[in-house]
């Protein structure tokens, strides 16, 4: 039976093969799948190095926003990292996307999103729902209208930091 170290070594080897491809199609999603396995879909985020962590947080936010929007992002475990994800998006040069998330984070007490999912859910329940759904809908719409190409920004980030994924 393989050890955890063996599994991580295999995932690192697979990530190295992905970032070394000459053909750049599918690199972002293929690498995201490997990084997700490496950190067990965010449960072991500390297993990632800083570059992998930025990439993982940005891709997870993007996928959550594309499939369910801001409120879904906060309701899922990925919302545990909403504060850190703003900084990750800025590092990836996704400034407009970071601004949208930062505006949503500002709804929480003192603008800080609880990292504990249960506490975050309690705070979400306490929001004035005559205003919050409207704002979440507005931010979701702004996100959908963005001309910021997260796929391209992610690929540039990967290629600029290839060694960190190997």
N, C-alpha and C. Protein backbone atom coordinates (compact mmCIF):
# COMPACT_ATOMS: atom_id res chain seq x y z
N UNK A 1 0.85 -1.18 0.00
CA UNK A 1 0.00 0.00 0.00
C UNK A 1 0.89 1.24 0.00
N UNK A 2 0.63 2.18 -0.91
CA UNK A 2 1.48 3.37 -0.99
C UNK A 2 1.31 4.27 0.24
N UNK A 3 2.41 4.90 0.62
CA UNK A 3 2.37 5.85 1.73
C UNK A 3 1.89 7.21 1.23
N UNK A 4 1.58 8.09 2.15
CA UNK A 4 1.17 9.45 1.78
C UNK A 4 2.27 10.13 0.99
N UNK A 5 3.52 9.90 1.39
CA UNK A 5 4.66 10.50 0.68
C UNK A 5 4.71 10.00 -0.77
N UNK A 6 4.44 8.70 -0.97
CA UNK A 6 4.43 8.14 -2.32
C UNK A 6 3.34 8.79 -3.18
N UNK A 7 2.17 8.96 -2.59
CA UNK A 7 1.05 9.59 -3.31
C UNK A 7 1.40 11.02 -3.67
N UNK A 8 1.95 11.77 -2.71
CA UNK A 8 2.33 13.17 -2.97
C UNK A 8 3.42 13.25 -4.03
N UNK A 9 4.40 12.33 -3.98
CA UNK A 9 5.45 12.30 -5.00
C UNK A 9 4.86 12.04 -6.38
N UNK A 10 3.91 11.11 -6.45
CA UNK A 10 3.26 10.81 -7.73
C UNK A 10 2.49 12.03 -8.24
N UNK A 11 1.77 12.71 -7.36
CA UNK A 11 1.02 13.90 -7.77
C UNK A 11 1.97 15.00 -8.24
N UNK A 12 3.10 15.16 -7.56
CA UNK A 12 4.08 16.16 -7.97
C UNK A 12 4.66 15.82 -9.34
N UNK A 13 4.94 14.56 -9.57
CA UNK A 13 5.44 14.12 -10.88
C UNK A 13 4.41 14.42 -11.97
N UNK A 14 3.14 14.11 -11.69
CA UNK A 14 2.08 14.38 -12.67
C UNK A 14 1.94 15.88 -12.91
N UNK A 15 2.05 16.68 -11.87
CA UNK A 15 1.99 18.14 -12.03
C UNK A 15 3.16 18.63 -12.87
N UNK A 16 4.35 18.07 -12.65
CA UNK A 16 5.53 18.45 -13.45
C UNK A 16 5.31 18.16 -14.92
N UNK A 17 4.72 17.00 -15.20
CA UNK A 17 4.44 16.64 -16.59
C UNK A 17 3.45 17.62 -17.22
N UNK A 18 2.46 18.03 -16.46
CA UNK A 18 1.45 18.95 -16.99
C UNK A 18 2.06 20.30 -17.32
N UNK A 19 2.82 20.89 -16.39
CA UNK A 19 3.36 22.24 -16.64
C UNK A 19 4.48 22.24 -17.67
N UNK A 20 5.02 21.06 -17.99
CA UNK A 20 6.09 20.97 -18.99
C UNK A 20 5.57 20.78 -20.41
N UNK A 21 4.28 20.66 -20.58
CA UNK A 21 3.70 20.46 -21.91
C UNK A 21 4.00 21.64 -22.82
N UNK A 22 4.22 21.33 -24.08
CA UNK A 22 4.38 22.37 -25.09
C UNK A 22 3.02 22.92 -25.50
N UNK A 23 2.04 22.04 -25.55
CA UNK A 23 0.68 22.42 -25.89
C UNK A 23 0.01 22.88 -24.60
N UNK A 24 -0.40 24.14 -24.54
CA UNK A 24 -0.91 24.72 -23.32
C UNK A 24 -2.40 24.49 -23.08
N UNK A 25 -3.08 23.84 -24.04
CA UNK A 25 -4.51 23.61 -23.84
C UNK A 25 -4.70 22.63 -22.67
N UNK A 26 -5.65 22.91 -21.86
CA UNK A 26 -6.06 22.07 -20.72
C UNK A 26 -5.08 22.09 -19.54
N UNK A 27 -4.01 22.87 -19.61
CA UNK A 27 -3.05 22.88 -18.50
C UNK A 27 -3.73 23.34 -17.21
N UNK A 28 -4.51 24.41 -17.28
CA UNK A 28 -5.10 24.98 -16.07
C UNK A 28 -6.00 23.97 -15.37
N UNK A 29 -6.93 23.37 -16.08
CA UNK A 29 -7.86 22.44 -15.44
C UNK A 29 -7.16 21.15 -15.02
N UNK A 30 -6.26 20.65 -15.85
CA UNK A 30 -5.53 19.43 -15.47
C UNK A 30 -4.70 19.66 -14.21
N UNK A 31 -4.04 20.80 -14.14
CA UNK A 31 -3.23 21.10 -12.96
C UNK A 31 -4.12 21.33 -11.73
N UNK A 32 -5.25 21.99 -11.92
CA UNK A 32 -6.17 22.20 -10.80
C UNK A 32 -6.63 20.85 -10.24
N UNK A 33 -6.92 19.90 -11.10
CA UNK A 33 -7.35 18.58 -10.63
C UNK A 33 -6.26 17.91 -9.80
N UNK A 34 -5.01 18.03 -10.23
CA UNK A 34 -3.88 17.44 -9.48
C UNK A 34 -3.70 18.16 -8.14
N UNK A 35 -3.73 19.48 -8.16
CA UNK A 35 -3.54 20.25 -6.93
C UNK A 35 -4.70 19.97 -5.96
N UNK A 36 -5.90 19.81 -6.49
CA UNK A 36 -7.06 19.47 -5.64
C UNK A 36 -6.86 18.13 -4.96
N UNK A 37 -6.31 17.17 -5.70
CA UNK A 37 -6.03 15.86 -5.10
C UNK A 37 -4.96 16.00 -4.02
N UNK A 38 -3.95 16.79 -4.33
CA UNK A 38 -2.82 16.95 -3.40
C UNK A 38 -3.29 17.52 -2.06
N UNK A 39 -4.22 18.46 -2.09
CA UNK A 39 -4.69 19.08 -0.84
C UNK A 39 -6.05 18.53 -0.40
N UNK A 40 -6.46 17.43 -1.00
CA UNK A 40 -7.75 16.80 -0.70
C UNK A 40 -8.89 17.81 -0.71
N UNK A 41 -8.98 18.51 -1.85
CA UNK A 41 -10.03 19.51 -2.09
C UNK A 41 -10.10 20.58 -1.01
N UNK A 42 -8.93 20.99 -0.55
CA UNK A 42 -8.84 22.09 0.42
C UNK A 42 -8.75 21.66 1.86
N UNK A 43 -9.01 20.38 2.15
CA UNK A 43 -8.94 19.91 3.54
C UNK A 43 -7.51 19.95 4.08
N UNK A 44 -6.54 19.79 3.18
CA UNK A 44 -5.13 19.81 3.58
C UNK A 44 -4.39 20.92 2.82
N UNK A 45 -4.95 22.11 2.88
CA UNK A 45 -4.39 23.24 2.13
C UNK A 45 -2.94 23.53 2.52
N UNK A 46 -2.57 23.20 3.74
CA UNK A 46 -1.20 23.45 4.19
C UNK A 46 -0.19 22.53 3.53
N UNK A 47 -0.65 21.52 2.80
CA UNK A 47 0.25 20.65 2.04
C UNK A 47 0.78 21.35 0.79
N UNK A 48 0.14 22.45 0.41
CA UNK A 48 0.54 23.17 -0.80
C UNK A 48 1.60 24.22 -0.48
N UNK A 49 2.47 24.45 -1.45
CA UNK A 49 3.39 25.59 -1.29
C UNK A 49 2.61 26.86 -1.61
N UNK A 50 3.20 28.01 -1.40
CA UNK A 50 2.50 29.28 -1.57
C UNK A 50 1.96 29.49 -2.97
N UNK A 51 2.71 29.12 -3.98
CA UNK A 51 2.29 29.30 -5.38
C UNK A 51 1.10 28.39 -5.68
N UNK A 52 1.19 27.14 -5.27
CA UNK A 52 0.09 26.20 -5.48
C UNK A 52 -1.16 26.66 -4.75
N UNK A 53 -0.97 27.21 -3.56
CA UNK A 53 -2.10 27.68 -2.75
C UNK A 53 -2.83 28.82 -3.44
N UNK A 54 -2.08 29.78 -3.96
CA UNK A 54 -2.69 30.90 -4.70
C UNK A 54 -3.47 30.37 -5.88
N UNK A 55 -2.87 29.48 -6.64
CA UNK A 55 -3.52 28.90 -7.81
C UNK A 55 -4.80 28.18 -7.39
N UNK A 56 -4.72 27.34 -6.36
CA UNK A 56 -5.88 26.57 -5.91
C UNK A 56 -7.01 27.49 -5.45
N UNK A 57 -6.70 28.48 -4.63
CA UNK A 57 -7.74 29.38 -4.11
C UNK A 57 -8.43 30.14 -5.25
N UNK A 58 -7.64 30.62 -6.20
CA UNK A 58 -8.22 31.38 -7.32
C UNK A 58 -9.11 30.50 -8.19
N UNK A 59 -8.63 29.32 -8.51
CA UNK A 59 -9.42 28.42 -9.36
C UNK A 59 -10.70 27.97 -8.65
N UNK A 60 -10.58 27.68 -7.37
CA UNK A 60 -11.77 27.25 -6.63
C UNK A 60 -12.80 28.35 -6.59
N UNK A 61 -12.37 29.58 -6.34
CA UNK A 61 -13.30 30.71 -6.32
C UNK A 61 -13.96 30.86 -7.70
N UNK A 62 -13.16 30.83 -8.74
CA UNK A 62 -13.67 30.99 -10.10
C UNK A 62 -14.70 29.90 -10.42
N UNK A 63 -14.40 28.66 -10.08
CA UNK A 63 -15.32 27.56 -10.36
C UNK A 63 -16.61 27.70 -9.55
N UNK A 64 -16.50 28.09 -8.29
CA UNK A 64 -17.70 28.30 -7.46
C UNK A 64 -18.56 29.42 -8.02
N UNK A 65 -17.94 30.50 -8.42
CA UNK A 65 -18.68 31.63 -8.97
C UNK A 65 -19.35 31.25 -10.29
N UNK A 66 -18.67 30.45 -11.07
CA UNK A 66 -19.22 30.05 -12.37
C UNK A 66 -20.36 29.05 -12.24
N UNK A 67 -20.37 28.30 -11.14
CA UNK A 67 -21.40 27.27 -11.01
C UNK A 67 -22.53 27.61 -10.05
N UNK A 68 -22.32 28.59 -9.15
CA UNK A 68 -23.38 28.85 -8.19
C UNK A 68 -23.41 30.24 -7.62
N UNK A 69 -22.37 31.00 -7.83
CA UNK A 69 -22.37 32.38 -7.37
C UNK A 69 -21.80 32.59 -5.98
N UNK A 70 -21.86 33.83 -5.57
CA UNK A 70 -21.23 34.28 -4.33
C UNK A 70 -21.80 33.60 -3.10
N UNK A 71 -23.11 33.52 -3.02
CA UNK A 71 -23.70 32.92 -1.82
C UNK A 71 -23.30 31.46 -1.70
N UNK A 72 -23.27 30.73 -2.80
CA UNK A 72 -22.85 29.34 -2.75
C UNK A 72 -21.39 29.23 -2.30
N UNK A 73 -20.55 30.14 -2.79
CA UNK A 73 -19.13 30.15 -2.39
C UNK A 73 -19.01 30.24 -0.87
N UNK A 74 -19.75 31.15 -0.27
CA UNK A 74 -19.67 31.32 1.18
C UNK A 74 -20.26 30.14 1.94
N UNK A 75 -21.22 29.46 1.37
CA UNK A 75 -21.86 28.34 2.06
C UNK A 75 -21.02 27.07 2.01
N UNK A 76 -20.06 27.01 1.11
CA UNK A 76 -19.20 25.84 0.96
C UNK A 76 -17.92 25.98 1.78
N UNK A 77 -17.22 24.88 2.03
CA UNK A 77 -15.95 24.96 2.75
C UNK A 77 -14.93 25.90 2.09
N UNK A 78 -15.04 26.08 0.78
CA UNK A 78 -14.11 26.98 0.09
C UNK A 78 -14.22 28.41 0.62
N UNK A 79 -15.38 28.77 1.15
CA UNK A 79 -15.57 30.10 1.74
C UNK A 79 -14.73 30.33 2.98
N UNK A 80 -14.17 29.24 3.55
CA UNK A 80 -13.29 29.37 4.71
C UNK A 80 -12.09 30.26 4.38
N UNK A 81 -11.76 30.35 3.12
CA UNK A 81 -10.56 31.07 2.69
C UNK A 81 -10.88 32.34 1.93
N UNK A 82 -12.08 32.88 2.12
CA UNK A 82 -12.52 34.06 1.37
C UNK A 82 -11.60 35.25 1.59
N UNK A 83 -11.13 35.46 2.82
CA UNK A 83 -10.25 36.60 3.08
C UNK A 83 -8.92 36.44 2.33
N UNK A 84 -8.34 35.25 2.43
CA UNK A 84 -7.07 34.96 1.77
C UNK A 84 -7.20 34.96 0.25
N UNK A 85 -8.37 34.57 -0.24
CA UNK A 85 -8.57 34.49 -1.68
C UNK A 85 -8.50 35.86 -2.34
N UNK A 86 -8.89 36.91 -1.64
CA UNK A 86 -8.75 38.26 -2.21
C UNK A 86 -7.29 38.52 -2.53
N UNK A 87 -6.40 38.22 -1.58
CA UNK A 87 -4.96 38.42 -1.80
C UNK A 87 -4.43 37.51 -2.90
N UNK A 88 -4.93 36.28 -2.95
CA UNK A 88 -4.50 35.34 -3.99
C UNK A 88 -4.88 35.87 -5.38
N UNK A 89 -6.09 36.38 -5.50
CA UNK A 89 -6.54 36.94 -6.78
C UNK A 89 -5.68 38.12 -7.19
N UNK A 90 -5.32 38.95 -6.23
CA UNK A 90 -4.44 40.09 -6.54
C UNK A 90 -3.08 39.60 -7.00
N UNK A 91 -2.56 38.55 -6.37
CA UNK A 91 -1.26 38.01 -6.78
C UNK A 91 -1.32 37.44 -8.19
N UNK A 92 -2.48 36.91 -8.57
CA UNK A 92 -2.63 36.36 -9.91
C UNK A 92 -2.97 37.45 -10.93
N UNK A 93 -3.05 38.68 -10.48
CA UNK A 93 -3.35 39.84 -11.33
C UNK A 93 -4.82 39.91 -11.77
N UNK A 94 -5.69 39.31 -10.97
CA UNK A 94 -7.13 39.35 -11.24
C UNK A 94 -7.74 40.43 -10.34
N UNK A 95 -7.34 41.68 -10.58
CA UNK A 95 -7.71 42.79 -9.71
C UNK A 95 -9.22 43.03 -9.64
N UNK A 96 -9.88 42.97 -10.77
CA UNK A 96 -11.34 43.23 -10.77
C UNK A 96 -12.11 42.12 -10.07
N UNK A 97 -11.66 40.90 -10.25
CA UNK A 97 -12.28 39.78 -9.56
C UNK A 97 -12.05 39.91 -8.05
N UNK A 98 -10.84 40.30 -7.65
CA UNK A 98 -10.52 40.50 -6.23
C UNK A 98 -11.41 41.58 -5.63
N UNK A 99 -11.67 42.62 -6.39
CA UNK A 99 -12.52 43.71 -5.90
C UNK A 99 -13.95 43.22 -5.65
N UNK A 100 -14.45 42.39 -6.52
CA UNK A 100 -15.80 41.84 -6.34
C UNK A 100 -15.87 41.01 -5.06
N UNK A 101 -14.89 40.13 -4.87
CA UNK A 101 -14.89 39.31 -3.66
C UNK A 101 -14.70 40.18 -2.41
N UNK A 102 -13.85 41.16 -2.50
CA UNK A 102 -13.62 42.05 -1.35
C UNK A 102 -14.89 42.80 -0.97
N UNK A 103 -15.65 43.24 -1.97
CA UNK A 103 -16.93 43.92 -1.69
C UNK A 103 -17.90 42.97 -0.98
N UNK A 104 -17.95 41.72 -1.42
CA UNK A 104 -18.83 40.74 -0.77
C UNK A 104 -18.34 40.44 0.64
N UNK A 105 -17.02 40.31 0.82
CA UNK A 105 -16.47 40.06 2.15
C UNK A 105 -16.83 41.19 3.10
N UNK A 106 -16.97 42.39 2.56
CA UNK A 106 -17.30 43.56 3.37
C UNK A 106 -18.66 43.48 4.05
N UNK A 107 -19.51 42.56 3.62
CA UNK A 107 -20.81 42.38 4.26
C UNK A 107 -20.69 41.74 5.64
N UNK A 108 -19.61 41.04 5.85
CA UNK A 108 -19.42 40.34 7.12
C UNK A 108 -18.94 41.31 8.19
N UNK A 109 -19.10 40.92 9.44
CA UNK A 109 -18.71 41.76 10.58
C UNK A 109 -17.27 42.23 10.43
N UNK A 110 -17.10 43.53 10.45
CA UNK A 110 -15.79 44.19 10.29
C UNK A 110 -15.09 43.80 8.99
N UNK A 111 -15.86 43.32 8.01
CA UNK A 111 -15.29 42.98 6.71
C UNK A 111 -14.45 41.72 6.72
N UNK A 112 -14.58 40.91 7.77
CA UNK A 112 -13.79 39.68 7.89
C UNK A 112 -14.74 38.48 7.85
N UNK A 113 -14.51 37.63 6.89
CA UNK A 113 -15.34 36.43 6.71
C UNK A 113 -14.85 35.36 7.70
N UNK A 114 -15.75 34.81 8.52
CA UNK A 114 -15.33 33.75 9.44
C UNK A 114 -14.75 32.56 8.68
N UNK A 115 -13.62 32.07 9.16
CA UNK A 115 -12.99 30.91 8.51
C UNK A 115 -13.69 29.61 8.87
N UNK A 116 -14.45 29.61 9.93
CA UNK A 116 -15.21 28.45 10.35
C UNK A 116 -16.55 28.46 9.60
N UNK A 117 -16.85 27.37 8.92
CA UNK A 117 -18.05 27.31 8.08
C UNK A 117 -19.33 27.50 8.90
N UNK A 118 -19.41 26.92 10.08
CA UNK A 118 -20.61 27.07 10.90
C UNK A 118 -20.81 28.52 11.33
N UNK A 119 -19.73 29.18 11.75
CA UNK A 119 -19.84 30.59 12.14
C UNK A 119 -20.24 31.45 10.95
N UNK A 120 -19.69 31.13 9.80
CA UNK A 120 -20.01 31.89 8.58
C UNK A 120 -21.48 31.70 8.22
N UNK A 121 -21.98 30.47 8.37
CA UNK A 121 -23.38 30.20 8.06
C UNK A 121 -24.30 30.96 9.02
N UNK A 122 -23.92 31.02 10.29
CA UNK A 122 -24.71 31.77 11.27
C UNK A 122 -24.74 33.26 10.90
N UNK A 123 -23.58 33.78 10.50
CA UNK A 123 -23.55 35.19 10.12
C UNK A 123 -24.37 35.44 8.86
N UNK A 124 -24.31 34.52 7.90
CA UNK A 124 -25.12 34.66 6.69
C UNK A 124 -26.61 34.68 7.04
N UNK A 125 -27.01 33.84 7.98
CA UNK A 125 -28.42 33.79 8.40
C UNK A 125 -28.86 35.11 9.03
N UNK A 126 -27.92 35.82 9.65
CA UNK A 126 -28.24 37.07 10.32
C UNK A 126 -28.28 38.28 9.41
N UNK A 127 -27.92 38.12 8.15
CA UNK A 127 -27.94 39.24 7.21
C UNK A 127 -29.35 39.73 6.97
N UNK A 128 -29.47 41.00 6.65
CA UNK A 128 -30.75 41.59 6.26
C UNK A 128 -31.03 41.12 4.82
N UNK A 129 -31.92 40.16 4.70
CA UNK A 129 -32.14 39.57 3.39
C UNK A 129 -32.98 40.42 2.45
N UNK A 130 -33.34 41.60 2.88
CA UNK A 130 -33.97 42.51 1.92
C UNK A 130 -32.89 43.17 1.07
N UNK A 131 -31.64 43.15 1.55
CA UNK A 131 -30.54 43.78 0.82
C UNK A 131 -29.50 42.80 0.32
N UNK A 132 -29.17 41.78 1.11
CA UNK A 132 -28.05 40.90 0.78
C UNK A 132 -28.26 40.12 -0.52
N UNK A 133 -29.40 39.46 -0.74
CA UNK A 133 -29.54 38.73 -2.00
C UNK A 133 -29.39 39.65 -3.21
N UNK A 134 -29.90 40.84 -3.08
CA UNK A 134 -29.77 41.81 -4.17
C UNK A 134 -28.30 42.09 -4.43
N UNK A 135 -27.52 42.30 -3.35
CA UNK A 135 -26.10 42.59 -3.53
C UNK A 135 -25.37 41.36 -4.06
N UNK A 136 -25.65 40.18 -3.55
CA UNK A 136 -25.02 38.97 -4.08
C UNK A 136 -25.35 38.81 -5.56
N UNK A 137 -26.61 39.06 -5.92
CA UNK A 137 -27.00 38.98 -7.34
C UNK A 137 -26.24 39.99 -8.18
N UNK A 138 -26.10 41.21 -7.67
CA UNK A 138 -25.35 42.25 -8.38
C UNK A 138 -23.89 41.83 -8.57
N UNK A 139 -23.28 41.33 -7.52
CA UNK A 139 -21.87 40.91 -7.61
C UNK A 139 -21.72 39.70 -8.53
N UNK A 140 -22.67 38.78 -8.48
CA UNK A 140 -22.64 37.64 -9.41
C UNK A 140 -22.72 38.14 -10.86
N UNK A 141 -23.60 39.10 -11.09
CA UNK A 141 -23.75 39.67 -12.43
C UNK A 141 -22.45 40.37 -12.85
N UNK A 142 -21.87 41.15 -11.96
CA UNK A 142 -20.60 41.83 -12.28
C UNK A 142 -19.53 40.80 -12.62
N UNK A 143 -19.48 39.71 -11.86
CA UNK A 143 -18.50 38.67 -12.12
C UNK A 143 -18.71 38.08 -13.51
N UNK A 144 -19.96 37.80 -13.86
CA UNK A 144 -20.25 37.21 -15.17
C UNK A 144 -19.92 38.17 -16.32
N UNK A 145 -20.00 39.47 -16.06
CA UNK A 145 -19.73 40.47 -17.09
C UNK A 145 -18.25 40.83 -17.20
N UNK A 146 -17.44 40.34 -16.28
CA UNK A 146 -16.01 40.69 -16.29
C UNK A 146 -15.35 40.33 -17.61
N UNK A 147 -14.46 41.15 -17.99
CA UNK A 147 -13.66 40.85 -19.18
C UNK A 147 -12.30 40.29 -18.76
N UNK A 148 -12.16 39.98 -17.46
CA UNK A 148 -10.93 39.41 -16.94
C UNK A 148 -10.92 37.91 -17.27
N UNK A 149 -9.97 37.48 -18.05
CA UNK A 149 -9.89 36.09 -18.50
C UNK A 149 -9.10 35.28 -17.48
N UNK A 150 -9.83 34.63 -16.55
CA UNK A 150 -9.16 33.87 -15.50
C UNK A 150 -8.36 32.70 -16.05
N UNK A 151 -8.81 32.11 -17.14
CA UNK A 151 -8.06 31.01 -17.75
C UNK A 151 -6.69 31.51 -18.21
N UNK A 152 -6.67 32.65 -18.88
CA UNK A 152 -5.43 33.22 -19.37
C UNK A 152 -4.54 33.68 -18.21
N UNK A 153 -5.13 34.35 -17.22
CA UNK A 153 -4.35 34.79 -16.06
C UNK A 153 -3.76 33.59 -15.32
N UNK A 154 -4.53 32.53 -15.20
CA UNK A 154 -4.06 31.33 -14.52
C UNK A 154 -2.92 30.67 -15.29
N UNK A 155 -3.07 30.59 -16.60
CA UNK A 155 -2.01 30.00 -17.42
C UNK A 155 -0.72 30.82 -17.30
N UNK A 156 -0.84 32.12 -17.37
CA UNK A 156 0.35 32.98 -17.22
C UNK A 156 1.00 32.78 -15.85
N UNK A 157 0.17 32.65 -14.83
CA UNK A 157 0.68 32.43 -13.47
C UNK A 157 1.43 31.10 -13.39
N UNK A 158 0.85 30.06 -13.96
CA UNK A 158 1.48 28.74 -13.96
C UNK A 158 2.81 28.80 -14.68
N UNK A 159 2.82 29.38 -15.88
CA UNK A 159 4.04 29.41 -16.67
C UNK A 159 5.13 30.26 -16.03
N UNK A 160 4.72 31.30 -15.30
CA UNK A 160 5.69 32.14 -14.62
C UNK A 160 6.27 31.48 -13.36
N UNK A 161 5.56 30.45 -12.87
CA UNK A 161 5.99 29.78 -11.63
C UNK A 161 6.10 28.27 -11.81
N UNK A 162 6.48 27.83 -13.02
CA UNK A 162 6.53 26.40 -13.33
C UNK A 162 7.24 25.59 -12.26
N UNK A 163 8.38 26.09 -11.83
CA UNK A 163 9.23 25.34 -10.88
C UNK A 163 8.49 25.03 -9.57
N UNK A 164 7.57 25.87 -9.17
CA UNK A 164 6.85 25.66 -7.91
C UNK A 164 5.86 24.50 -8.00
N UNK A 165 5.49 24.12 -9.22
CA UNK A 165 4.56 23.02 -9.42
C UNK A 165 5.26 21.69 -9.67
N UNK A 166 6.57 21.73 -9.75
CA UNK A 166 7.35 20.53 -10.09
C UNK A 166 7.90 19.85 -8.84
